[in-house]
PDB file of N, CA and C in Angstrom:
ATOM      1  N   MET A   1     101.902 103.871 101.399  1.00  0.00           N
ATOM      2  CA  MET A   1     100.915 102.581 100.964  1.00  0.00           C
ATOM      3  C   MET A   1     100.835 101.742 102.276  1.00  0.00           C
ATOM      4  N   GLU A   2     101.244 101.808 102.960  1.00  0.00           N
ATOM      5  CA  GLU A   2     100.761 100.974 104.231  1.00  0.00           C
ATOM      6  C   GLU A   2      99.311 101.049 104.857  1.00  0.00           C
ATOM      7  N   ASP A   3      98.810 102.448 104.158  1.00  0.00           N
ATOM      8  CA  ASP A   3      97.645 102.743 104.752  1.00  0.00           C
ATOM      9  C   ASP A   3      96.394 101.843 104.250  1.00  0.00           C
ATOM     10  N   VAL A   4      96.937 101.457 102.841  1.00  0.00           N
ATOM     11  CA  VAL A   4      95.738 100.549 101.834  1.00  0.00           C
ATOM     12  C   VAL A   4      95.550  99.286 102.617  1.00  0.00           C
ATOM     13  N   PHE A   5      96.427  98.879 103.231  1.00  0.00           N
ATOM     14  CA  PHE A   5      96.071  97.256 103.913  1.00  0.00           C
ATOM     15  C   PHE A   5      95.275  97.737 105.090  1.00  0.00           C
ATOM     16  N   GLY A   6      94.332  96.470 105.326  1.00  0.00           N
ATOM     17  CA  GLY A   6      93.613  96.472 106.451  1.00  0.00           C
ATOM     18  C   GLY A   6      94.152  96.269 107.865  1.00  0.00           C
ATOM     19  N   ASP A   7      93.189  96.610 108.816  1.00  0.00           N
ATOM     20  CA  ASP A   7      93.829  96.329 110.239  1.00  0.00           C
ATOM     21  C   ASP A   7      94.073  95.026 110.802  1.00  0.00           C
ATOM     22  N   ASP A   8      93.324  94.532 110.079  1.00  0.00           N
ATOM     23  CA  ASP A   8      93.606  92.831 110.649  1.00  0.00           C
ATOM     24  C   ASP A   8      94.530  92.148 110.065  1.00  0.00           C
ATOM     25  N   GLN A   9      95.131  92.692 108.378  1.00  0.00           N
ATOM     26  CA  GLN A   9      96.036  91.978 108.039  1.00  0.00           C
ATOM     27  C   GLN A   9      97.336  92.877 108.845  1.00  0.00           C
ATOM     28  N   TRP A  10      97.598  93.812 109.182  1.00  0.00           N
ATOM     29  CA  TRP A  10      98.186  94.471 109.839  1.00  0.00           C
ATOM     30  C   TRP A  10      98.612  93.744 111.379  1.00  0.00           C
ATOM     31  N   ALA A  11      97.414  93.468 111.886  1.00  0.00           N
ATOM     32  CA  ALA A  11      97.833  93.116 113.631  1.00  0.00           C
ATOM     33  C   ALA A  11      98.122  91.577 113.110  1.00  0.00           C
ATOM     34  N   ASP A  12      97.867  90.354 112.006  1.00  0.00           N
ATOM     35  CA  ASP A  12      98.090  89.330 111.985  1.00  0.00           C
ATOM     36  C   ASP A  12      99.497  89.384 111.572  1.00  0.00           C
ATOM     37  N   THR A  13      99.898  90.216 110.825  1.00  0.00           N
ATOM     38  CA  THR A  13     101.626  89.907 110.349  1.00  0.00           C
ATOM     39  C   THR A  13     102.281  90.659 111.714  1.00  0.00           C
ATOM     40  N   MET A  14     101.819  91.625 112.487  1.00  0.00           N
ATOM     41  CA  MET A  14     102.471  92.175 113.552  1.00  0.00           C
ATOM     42  C   MET A  14     102.573  90.852 114.808  1.00  0.00           C
ATOM     43  N   ASN A  15     101.480  90.185 114.732  1.00  0.00           N
ATOM     44  CA  ASN A  15     101.686  88.928 115.798  1.00  0.00           C
ATOM     45  C   ASN A  15     102.300  88.011 115.349  1.00  0.00           C
ATOM     46  N   ALA A  16     102.375  87.648 113.936  1.00  0.00           N
ATOM     47  CA  ALA A  16     103.346  86.845 113.202  1.00  0.00           C
ATOM     48  C   ALA A  16     104.778  87.139 113.432  1.00  0.00           C
ATOM     49  N   LEU A  17     105.757  88.184 113.079  1.00  0.00           N
ATOM     50  CA  LEU A  17     106.500  88.745 112.860  1.00  0.00           C
ATOM     51  C   LEU A  17     107.367  89.407 114.075  1.00  0.00           C
ATOM     52  N   TRP A  18     106.740  90.412 114.774  1.00  0.00           N
ATOM     53  CA  TRP A  18     107.024  91.275 115.526  1.00  0.00           C
ATOM     54  C   TRP A  18     106.338  91.402 116.867  1.00  0.00           C
ATOM     55  N   PRO A  19     105.909  90.200 117.230  1.00  0.00           N
ATOM     56  CA  PRO A  19     105.419  89.846 118.582  1.00  0.00           C
ATOM     57  C   PRO A  19     105.650  91.134 119.723  1.00  0.00           C
ATOM     58  N   ARG A  20     104.628  91.024 120.846  1.00  0.00           N
ATOM     59  CA  ARG A  20     104.770  92.279 121.879  1.00  0.00           C
ATOM     60  C   ARG A  20     105.673  91.869 122.770  1.00  0.00           C
ATOM     61  N   LYS A  21     106.437  92.896 123.452  1.00  0.00           N
ATOM     62  CA  LYS A  21     107.637  92.416 124.755  1.00  0.00           C
ATOM     63  C   LYS A  21     106.591  91.737 125.849  1.00  0.00           C
ATOM     64  N   ASP A  22     105.112  92.329 125.899  1.00  0.00           N
ATOM     65  CA  ASP A  22     104.477  91.872 127.267  1.00  0.00           C
ATOM     66  C   ASP A  22     103.763  90.686 126.604  1.00  0.00           C
ATOM     67  N   ALA A  23     103.815  90.096 125.962  1.00  0.00           N
ATOM     68  CA  ALA A  23     103.280  88.420 125.487  1.00  0.00           C
ATOM     69  C   ALA A  23     101.721  88.823 125.464  1.00  0.00           C
ATOM     70  N   GLN A  24     101.004  90.245 125.086  1.00  0.00           N
ATOM     71  CA  GLN A  24      99.707  90.173 124.735  1.00  0.00           C
ATOM     72  C   GLN A  24      99.353  89.868 123.081  1.00  0.00           C
ATOM     73  N   GLN A  25      98.822  90.148 122.225  1.00  0.00           N
ATOM     74  CA  GLN A  25      98.392  89.918 121.197  1.00  0.00           C
ATOM     75  C   GLN A  25      98.199  91.107 120.455  1.00  0.00           C
ATOM     76  N   TRP A  26      98.865  91.292 119.320  1.00  0.00           N
ATOM     77  CA  TRP A  26      98.592  92.804 118.723  1.00  0.00           C
ATOM     78  C   TRP A  26      96.632  92.903 117.980  1.00  0.00           C
ATOM     79  N   THR A  27      96.252  93.681 117.843  1.00  0.00           N
ATOM     80  CA  THR A  27      94.828  93.500 117.668  1.00  0.00           C
ATOM     81  C   THR A  27      94.407  94.643 116.500  1.00  0.00           C
ATOM     82  N   ALA A  28      93.285  94.562 115.609  1.00  0.00           N
ATOM     83  CA  ALA A  28      93.131  95.357 114.744  1.00  0.00           C
ATOM     84  C   ALA A  28      93.014  96.707 115.307  1.00  0.00           C
ATOM     85  N   GLN A  29      92.098  96.730 116.376  1.00  0.00           N
ATOM     86  CA  GLN A  29      92.023  98.015 117.410  1.00  0.00           C
ATOM     87  C   GLN A  29      93.148  98.694 117.336  1.00  0.00           C
ATOM     88  N   ASP A  30      94.349  98.242 117.927  1.00  0.00           N
ATOM     89  CA  ASP A  30      95.711  98.557 118.085  1.00  0.00           C
ATOM     90  C   ASP A  30      95.660  99.751 116.646  1.00  0.00           C
ATOM     91  N   VAL A  31      95.639  98.974 115.573  1.00  0.00           N
ATOM     92  CA  VAL A  31      96.102  99.498 114.464  1.00  0.00           C
ATOM     93  C   VAL A  31      95.271 100.902 113.770  1.00  0.00           C
ATOM     94  N   THR A  32      93.567 100.623 114.607  1.00  0.00           N
ATOM     95  CA  THR A  32      92.618 101.337 114.062  1.00  0.00           C
ATOM     96  C   THR A  32      93.118 102.668 114.675  1.00  0.00           C
ATOM     97  N   ALA A  33      93.273 102.589 115.844  1.00  0.00           N
ATOM     98  CA  ALA A  33      93.798 103.804 116.637  1.00  0.00           C
ATOM     99  C   ALA A  33      94.912 104.995 115.938  1.00  0.00           C
ATOM    100  N   LEU A  34      95.532 104.208 115.284  1.00  0.00           N
ATOM    101  CA  LEU A  34      96.977 104.714 114.680  1.00  0.00           C
ATOM    102  C   LEU A  34      96.530 105.706 113.697  1.00  0.00           C
ATOM    103  N   ARG A  35      95.132 105.311 112.967  1.00  0.00           N
ATOM    104  CA  ARG A  35      94.577 106.097 111.532  1.00  0.00           C
ATOM    105  C   ARG A  35      94.208 107.454 112.219  1.00  0.00           C
ATOM    106  N   LEU A  36      93.835 107.619 113.485  1.00  0.00           N
ATOM    107  CA  LEU A  36      93.652 109.043 113.641  1.00  0.00           C
ATOM    108  C   LEU A  36      94.792 109.948 113.713  1.00  0.00           C
ATOM    109  N   ASP A  37      95.816 109.593 114.090  1.00  0.00           N
ATOM    110  CA  ASP A  37      96.632 110.513 114.742  1.00  0.00           C
ATOM    111  C   ASP A  37      98.041 110.429 113.453  1.00  0.00           C
ATOM    112  N   GLY A  38      97.767 111.912 112.435  1.00  0.00           N
ATOM    113  CA  GLY A  38      98.930 111.837 112.043  1.00  0.00           C
ATOM    114  C   GLY A  38      99.317 110.690 110.912  1.00  0.00           C
ATOM    115  N   LYS A  39     100.475 110.992 110.328  1.00  0.00           N
ATOM    116  CA  LYS A  39     101.128 110.028 109.742  1.00  0.00           C
ATOM    117  C   LYS A  39     100.902 108.453 109.906  1.00  0.00           C
ATOM    118  N   PHE A  40     100.102 107.877 109.296  1.00  0.00           N
ATOM    119  CA  PHE A  40     100.041 106.340 109.881  1.00  0.00           C
ATOM    120  C   PHE A  40     100.947 105.359 109.908  1.00  0.00           C
ATOM    121  N   SER A  41     102.040 105.372 108.867  1.00  0.00           N
ATOM    122  CA  SER A  41     103.479 104.442 108.958  1.00  0.00           C
ATOM    123  C   SER A  41     104.021 104.813 109.850  1.00  0.00           C
ATOM    124  N   LYS A  42     104.374 106.202 110.416  1.00  0.00           N
ATOM    125  CA  LYS A  42     104.990 106.352 111.232  1.00  0.00           C
ATOM    126  C   LYS A  42     104.843 106.087 112.471  1.00  0.00           C
ATOM    127  N   SER A  43     103.473 106.204 112.624  1.00  0.00           N
ATOM    128  CA  SER A  43     102.783 105.897 114.179  1.00  0.00           C
ATOM    129  C   SER A  43     102.851 104.401 114.234  1.00  0.00           C
ATOM    130  N   LEU A  44     102.502 103.722 113.161  1.00  0.00           N
ATOM    131  CA  LEU A  44     102.830 102.181 113.205  1.00  0.00           C
ATOM    132  C   LEU A  44     104.001 101.568 113.471  1.00  0.00           C
ATOM    133  N   HIS A  45     105.102 102.263 113.011  1.00  0.00           N
ATOM    134  CA  HIS A  45     106.566 101.727 112.864  1.00  0.00           C
ATOM    135  C   HIS A  45     106.634 102.223 114.743  1.00  0.00           C
ATOM    136  N   SER A  46     106.300 103.567 114.897  1.00  0.00           N
ATOM    137  CA  SER A  46     106.992 103.842 116.210  1.00  0.00           C
ATOM    138  C   SER A  46     106.290 103.181 117.441  1.00  0.00           C
ATOM    139  N   MET A  47     105.187 102.653 116.934  1.00  0.00           N
ATOM    140  CA  MET A  47     104.208 101.868 118.323  1.00  0.00           C
ATOM    141  C   MET A  47     104.919 100.360 117.970  1.00  0.00           C
ATOM    142  N   LEU A  48     105.149  99.940 117.067  1.00  0.00           N
ATOM    143  CA  LEU A  48     106.320  98.225 117.051  1.00  0.00           C
ATOM    144  C   LEU A  48     107.440  98.921 117.798  1.00  0.00           C
ATOM    145  N   ARG A  49     108.225  99.617 117.498  1.00  0.00           N
ATOM    146  CA  ARG A  49     109.645  99.736 118.231  1.00  0.00           C
ATOM    147  C   ARG A  49     109.333 100.107 119.468  1.00  0.00           C
ATOM    148  N   GLN A  50     108.580 100.627 120.042  1.00  0.00           N
ATOM    149  CA  GLN A  50     108.473 100.674 121.441  1.00  0.00           C
ATOM    150  C   GLN A  50     108.069  99.218 122.213  1.00  0.00           C
ATOM    151  N   PHE A  51     107.039  98.665 121.671  1.00  0.00           N
ATOM    152  CA  PHE A  51     106.400  97.561 121.911  1.00  0.00           C
ATOM    153  C   PHE A  51     106.755  96.046 121.730  1.00  0.00           C
ATOM    154  N   SER A  52     107.601  96.112 120.862  1.00  0.00           N
ATOM    155  CA  SER A  52     108.219  94.736 120.034  1.00  0.00           C
ATOM    156  C   SER A  52     109.893  94.719 120.411  1.00  0.00           C
ATOM    157  N   GLU A  53     110.604  93.822 120.144  1.00  0.00           N
ATOM    158  CA  GLU A  53     112.183  93.656 120.541  1.00  0.00           C
ATOM    159  C   GLU A  53     112.370  93.266 118.921  1.00  0.00           C
ATOM    160  N   ASP A  54     111.326  92.701 118.180  1.00  0.00           N
ATOM    161  CA  ASP A  54     111.956  92.235 116.734  1.00  0.00           C
ATOM    162  C   ASP A  54     111.407  93.177 115.805  1.00  0.00           C
ATOM    163  N   ALA A  55     111.279  94.490 116.320  1.00  0.00           N
ATOM    164  CA  ALA A  55     110.318  95.428 115.377  1.00  0.00           C
ATOM    165  C   ALA A  55     111.403  95.719 114.207  1.00  0.00           C
ATOM    166  N   PRO A  56     110.727  96.159 113.000  1.00  0.00           N
ATOM    167  CA  PRO A  56     111.682  96.398 111.648  1.00  0.00           C
ATOM    168  C   PRO A  56     112.268  97.333 111.914  1.00  0.00           C
ATOM    169  N   SER A  57     113.757  97.512 111.325  1.00  0.00           N
ATOM    170  CA  SER A  57     114.276  98.787 111.773  1.00  0.00           C
ATOM    171  C   SER A  57     114.089 100.173 111.048  1.00  0.00           C
ATOM    172  N   LYS A  58     113.138  99.608 109.373  1.00  0.00           N
ATOM    173  CA  LYS A  58     113.015 100.654 109.036  1.00  0.00           C
ATOM    174  C   LYS A  58     111.599 100.621 108.172  1.00  0.00           C
ATOM    175  N   LYS A  59     110.837 101.931 108.133  1.00  0.00           N
ATOM    176  CA  LYS A  59     109.548 101.477 108.170  1.00  0.00           C
ATOM    177  C   LYS A  59     109.286 100.798 106.748  1.00  0.00           C
ATOM    178  N   GLU A  60     109.818 100.835 105.701  1.00  0.00           N
ATOM    179  CA  GLU A  60     109.688 100.041 104.568  1.00  0.00           C
ATOM    180  C   GLU A  60     109.703  98.592 104.483  1.00  0.00           C
ATOM    181  N   ASN A  61     110.434  98.110 105.630  1.00  0.00           N
ATOM    182  CA  ASN A  61     110.531  96.746 105.918  1.00  0.00           C
ATOM    183  C   ASN A  61     108.846  96.397 106.338  1.00  0.00           C
ATOM    184  N   MET A  62     108.127  97.387 106.789  1.00  0.00           N
ATOM    185  CA  MET A  62     106.754  96.621 107.502  1.00  0.00           C
ATOM    186  C   MET A  62     106.028  96.053 106.442  1.00  0.00           C
ATOM    187  N   VAL A  63     105.620  96.947 105.163  1.00  0.00           N
ATOM    188  CA  VAL A  63     105.197  96.698 103.976  1.00  0.00           C
ATOM    189  C   VAL A  63     105.277  95.777 103.433  1.00  0.00           C
ATOM    190  N   ILE A  64     107.031  95.761 103.163  1.00  0.00           N
ATOM    191  CA  ILE A  64     107.508  94.668 102.475  1.00  0.00           C
ATOM    192  C   ILE A  64     106.844  93.335 103.421  1.00  0.00           C
ATOM    193  N   GLU A  65     107.223  93.078 104.624  1.00  0.00           N
ATOM    194  CA  GLU A  65     107.016  91.777 105.119  1.00  0.00           C
ATOM    195  C   GLU A  65     105.527  91.341 105.078  1.00  0.00           C
ATOM    196  N   LEU A  66     104.437  92.513 105.203  1.00  0.00           N
ATOM    197  CA  LEU A  66     103.217  92.332 105.262  1.00  0.00           C
ATOM    198  C   LEU A  66     102.727  91.839 103.454  1.00  0.00           C
ATOM    199  N   ALA A  67     103.526  92.227 102.751  1.00  0.00           N
ATOM    200  CA  ALA A  67     103.462  91.888 101.541  1.00  0.00           C
ATOM    201  C   ALA A  67     103.656  90.537 101.206  1.00  0.00           C
ATOM    202  N   ARG A  68     104.765  90.025 101.752  1.00  0.00           N
ATOM    203  CA  ARG A  68     104.974  88.943 101.440  1.00  0.00           C
ATOM    204  C   ARG A  68     104.226  87.507 102.369  1.00  0.00           C
ATOM    205  N   ARG A  69     103.195  88.048 103.183  1.00  0.00           N
ATOM    206  CA  ARG A  69     102.354  87.165 103.629  1.00  0.00           C
ATOM    207  C   ARG A  69     100.904  87.322 103.208  1.00  0.00           C
ATOM    208  N   LEU A  70     101.273  88.380 101.967  1.00  0.00           N
ATOM    209  CA  LEU A  70      99.762  87.930 100.856  1.00  0.00           C
ATOM    210  C   LEU A  70      99.774  86.399 100.419  1.00  0.00           C
ATOM    211  N   ARG A  71      98.417  85.660 100.379  1.00  0.00           N
ATOM    212  CA  ARG A  71      98.770  84.500  99.974  1.00  0.00           C
ATOM    213  C   ARG A  71      97.520  84.054  98.534  1.00  0.00           C
ATOM    214  N   GLN A  72      96.967  84.785  98.782  1.00  0.00           N
ATOM    215  CA  GLN A  72      95.599  84.486  97.386  1.00  0.00           C
ATOM    216  C   GLN A  72      95.313  86.180  96.779  1.00  0.00           C
ATOM    217  N   PRO A  73      94.958  86.130  95.644  1.00  0.00           N
ATOM    218  CA  PRO A  73      94.479  87.753  94.907  1.00  0.00           C
ATOM    219  C   PRO A  73      93.519  88.669  95.989  1.00  0.00           C
ATOM    220  N   SER A  74      92.645  87.895  96.964  1.00  0.00           N
ATOM    221  CA  SER A  74      91.849  88.946  97.528  1.00  0.00           C
ATOM    222  C   SER A  74      92.359  89.501  99.070  1.00  0.00           C
ATOM    223  N   ASP A  75      93.660  88.746  99.159  1.00  0.00           N
ATOM    224  CA  ASP A  75      94.687  89.668 100.117  1.00  0.00           C
ATOM    225  C   ASP A  75      95.106  90.994  99.940  1.00  0.00           C
ATOM    226  N   VAL A  76      94.968  91.278  98.350  1.00  0.00           N
ATOM    227  CA  VAL A  76      95.348  92.729  98.305  1.00  0.00           C
ATOM    228  C   VAL A  76      94.500  93.575  97.911  1.00  0.00           C
ATOM    229  N   PRO A  77      94.566  94.699  98.862  1.00  0.00           N
ATOM    230  CA  PRO A  77      93.372  95.473  98.894  1.00  0.00           C
ATOM    231  C   PRO A  77      92.989  96.122  97.226  1.00  0.00           C
ATOM    232  N   PRO A  78      91.935  96.466  97.233  1.00  0.00           N
ATOM    233  CA  PRO A  78      91.275  97.102  95.898  1.00  0.00           C
ATOM    234  C   PRO A  78      91.873  98.057  95.812  1.00  0.00           C
ATOM    235  N   ALA A  79      92.178  99.390  96.506  1.00  0.00           N
ATOM    236  CA  ALA A  79      92.914 100.428  96.047  1.00  0.00           C
ATOM    237  C   ALA A  79      94.321  99.959  95.267  1.00  0.00           C
ATOM    238  N   LEU A  80      94.810  99.147  95.852  1.00  0.00           N
ATOM    239  CA  LEU A  80      96.377  98.701  95.596  1.00  0.00           C
ATOM    240  C   LEU A  80      96.160  98.008  93.906  1.00  0.00           C
ATOM    241  N   VAL A  81      95.013  97.207  93.780  1.00  0.00           N
ATOM    242  CA  VAL A  81      94.769  96.351  92.316  1.00  0.00           C
ATOM    243  C   VAL A  81      94.570  97.653  91.498  1.00  0.00           C
ATOM    244  N   LYS A  82      93.816  98.790  91.983  1.00  0.00           N
ATOM    245  CA  LYS A  82      93.509  99.799  90.950  1.00  0.00           C
ATOM    246  C   LYS A  82      94.639 100.641  90.769  1.00  0.00           C
ATOM    247  N   VAL A  83      95.724 100.823  91.797  1.00  0.00           N
ATOM    248  CA  VAL A  83      96.901 101.855  91.026  1.00  0.00           C
ATOM    249  C   VAL A  83      97.565 100.687  90.047  1.00  0.00           C
ATOM    250  N   PHE A  84      97.544  99.135  90.251  1.00  0.00           N
ATOM    251  CA  PHE A  84      98.462  98.642  89.172  1.00  0.00           C
ATOM    252  C   PHE A  84      97.535  98.677  88.087  1.00  0.00           C
ATOM    253  N   GLN A  85      96.594  98.286  87.778  1.00  0.00           N
ATOM    254  CA  GLN A  85      95.669  98.318  86.693  1.00  0.00           C
ATOM    255  C   GLN A  85      95.573  99.702  85.928  1.00  0.00           C
ATOM    256  N   ASP A  86      95.427 101.059  86.655  1.00  0.00           N
ATOM    257  CA  ASP A  86      95.751 101.936  86.226  1.00  0.00           C
ATOM    258  C   ASP A  86      97.289 102.066  85.448  1.00  0.00           C
ATOM    259  N   ALA A  87      98.285 101.356  85.888  1.00  0.00           N
ATOM    260  CA  ALA A  87      99.609 101.666  85.778  1.00  0.00           C
ATOM    261  C   ALA A  87      99.542 100.810  84.455  1.00  0.00           C
ATOM    262  N   ILE A  88      98.933 100.106  84.414  1.00  0.00           N
ATOM    263  CA  ILE A  88      99.102  98.834  83.185  1.00  0.00           C
ATOM    264  C   ILE A  88      98.123  99.477  81.754  1.00  0.00           C
ATOM    265  N   LYS A  89      97.365  99.948  82.139  1.00  0.00           N
ATOM    266  CA  LYS A  89      96.164 101.103  81.232  1.00  0.00           C
ATOM    267  C   LYS A  89      97.236 102.421  80.901  1.00  0.00           C
ATOM    268  N   VAL A  90      97.952 103.029  81.429  1.00  0.00           N
ATOM    269  CA  VAL A  90      99.164 103.862  80.979  1.00  0.00           C
ATOM    270  C   VAL A  90      99.976 103.085  80.045  1.00  0.00           C
ATOM    271  N   ALA A  91     100.711 102.383  80.492  1.00  0.00           N
ATOM    272  CA  ALA A  91     101.633 101.548  79.845  1.00  0.00           C
ATOM    273  C   ALA A  91     101.163 101.025  78.662  1.00  0.00           C
ATOM    274  N   ARG A  92      99.929 100.537  78.484  1.00  0.00           N
ATOM    275  CA  ARG A  92      99.377 100.133  77.020  1.00  0.00           C
ATOM    276  C   ARG A  92      99.032 100.965  76.259  1.00  0.00           C
ATOM    277  N   ASP A  93      98.463 102.050  76.698  1.00  0.00           N
ATOM    278  CA  ASP A  93      98.138 103.024  76.029  1.00  0.00           C
ATOM    279  C   ASP A  93      99.399 104.089  75.339  1.00  0.00           C
ATOM    280  N   ALA A  94     100.339 103.772  76.100  1.00  0.00           N
ATOM    281  CA  ALA A  94     101.140 104.635  75.634  1.00  0.00           C
ATOM    282  C   ALA A  94     102.341 104.199  74.842  1.00  0.00           C
ATOM    283  N   GLY A  95     102.315 102.572  74.454  1.00  0.00           N
ATOM    284  CA  GLY A  95     102.798 101.647  73.549  1.00  0.00           C
ATOM    285  C   GLY A  95     104.221 101.853  73.624  1.00  0.00           C
ATOM    286  N   LEU A  96     104.879 100.979  72.810  1.00  0.00           N
ATOM    287  CA  LEU A  96     106.015 100.435  72.733  1.00  0.00           C
ATOM    288  C   LEU A  96     107.062 101.993  72.511  1.00  0.00           C
ATOM    289  N   ALA A  97     106.538 102.948  71.346  1.00  0.00           N
ATOM    290  CA  ALA A  97     107.111 104.071  71.142  1.00  0.00           C
ATOM    291  C   ALA A  97     107.742 104.907  72.164  1.00  0.00           C
ATOM    292  N   TYR A  98     106.636 105.135  73.264  1.00  0.00           N
ATOM    293  CA  TYR A  98     106.895 105.950  74.266  1.00  0.00           C
ATOM    294  C   TYR A  98     108.389 105.556  75.593  1.00  0.00           C
ATOM    295  N   TRP A  99     108.777 104.246  75.085  1.00  0.00           N
ATOM    296  CA  TRP A  99     109.645 103.801  76.358  1.00  0.00           C
ATOM    297  C   TRP A  99     111.056 104.014  75.006  1.00  0.00           C
ATOM    298  N   PRO A 100     111.684 104.969  75.843  1.00  0.00           N
ATOM    299  CA  PRO A 100     112.998 105.084  74.736  1.00  0.00           C
ATOM    300  C   PRO A 100     113.974 103.700  75.019  1.00  0.00           C
ATOM    301  N   GLU A 101     114.497 103.150  73.674  1.00  0.00           N
ATOM    302  CA  GLU A 101     115.602 102.072  74.264  1.00  0.00           C
ATOM    303  C   GLU A 101     116.830 102.668  74.525  1.00  0.00           C
ATOM    304  N   GLY A 102     117.657 101.709  75.954  1.00  0.00           N
ATOM    305  CA  GLY A 102     118.800 102.257  75.908  1.00  0.00           C
ATOM    306  C   GLY A 102     118.605 103.065  77.384  1.00  0.00           C
ATOM    307  N   GLY A 103     117.430 103.228  77.935  1.00  0.00           N
ATOM    308  CA  GLY A 103     117.494 103.917  79.144  1.00  0.00           C
ATOM    309  C   GLY A 103     116.683 105.470  78.827  1.00  0.00           C
TER     310      GLY A 103
END
């Protein structure tokens, strides 16, 4: 899920929560470069752990913290909005009878 958020969103979150040890600012280009090599979330987490003393201990925490910083509907990536819209449609189409009572 980390890859649906924009590079600017990541850089902004990284600068706010996980500043670099060398006092430089994270840039969108830092993030963009990671999209080219293998698994984006793993590369992003590795870079944070290498260059920030405040890096999150788990990859999952990265997207949680980014999501906490979303302030308006336009901050949510269209791909993520579509996933939720599709899930709502499936649930609505299935109706109440689909969901068993008590587990």
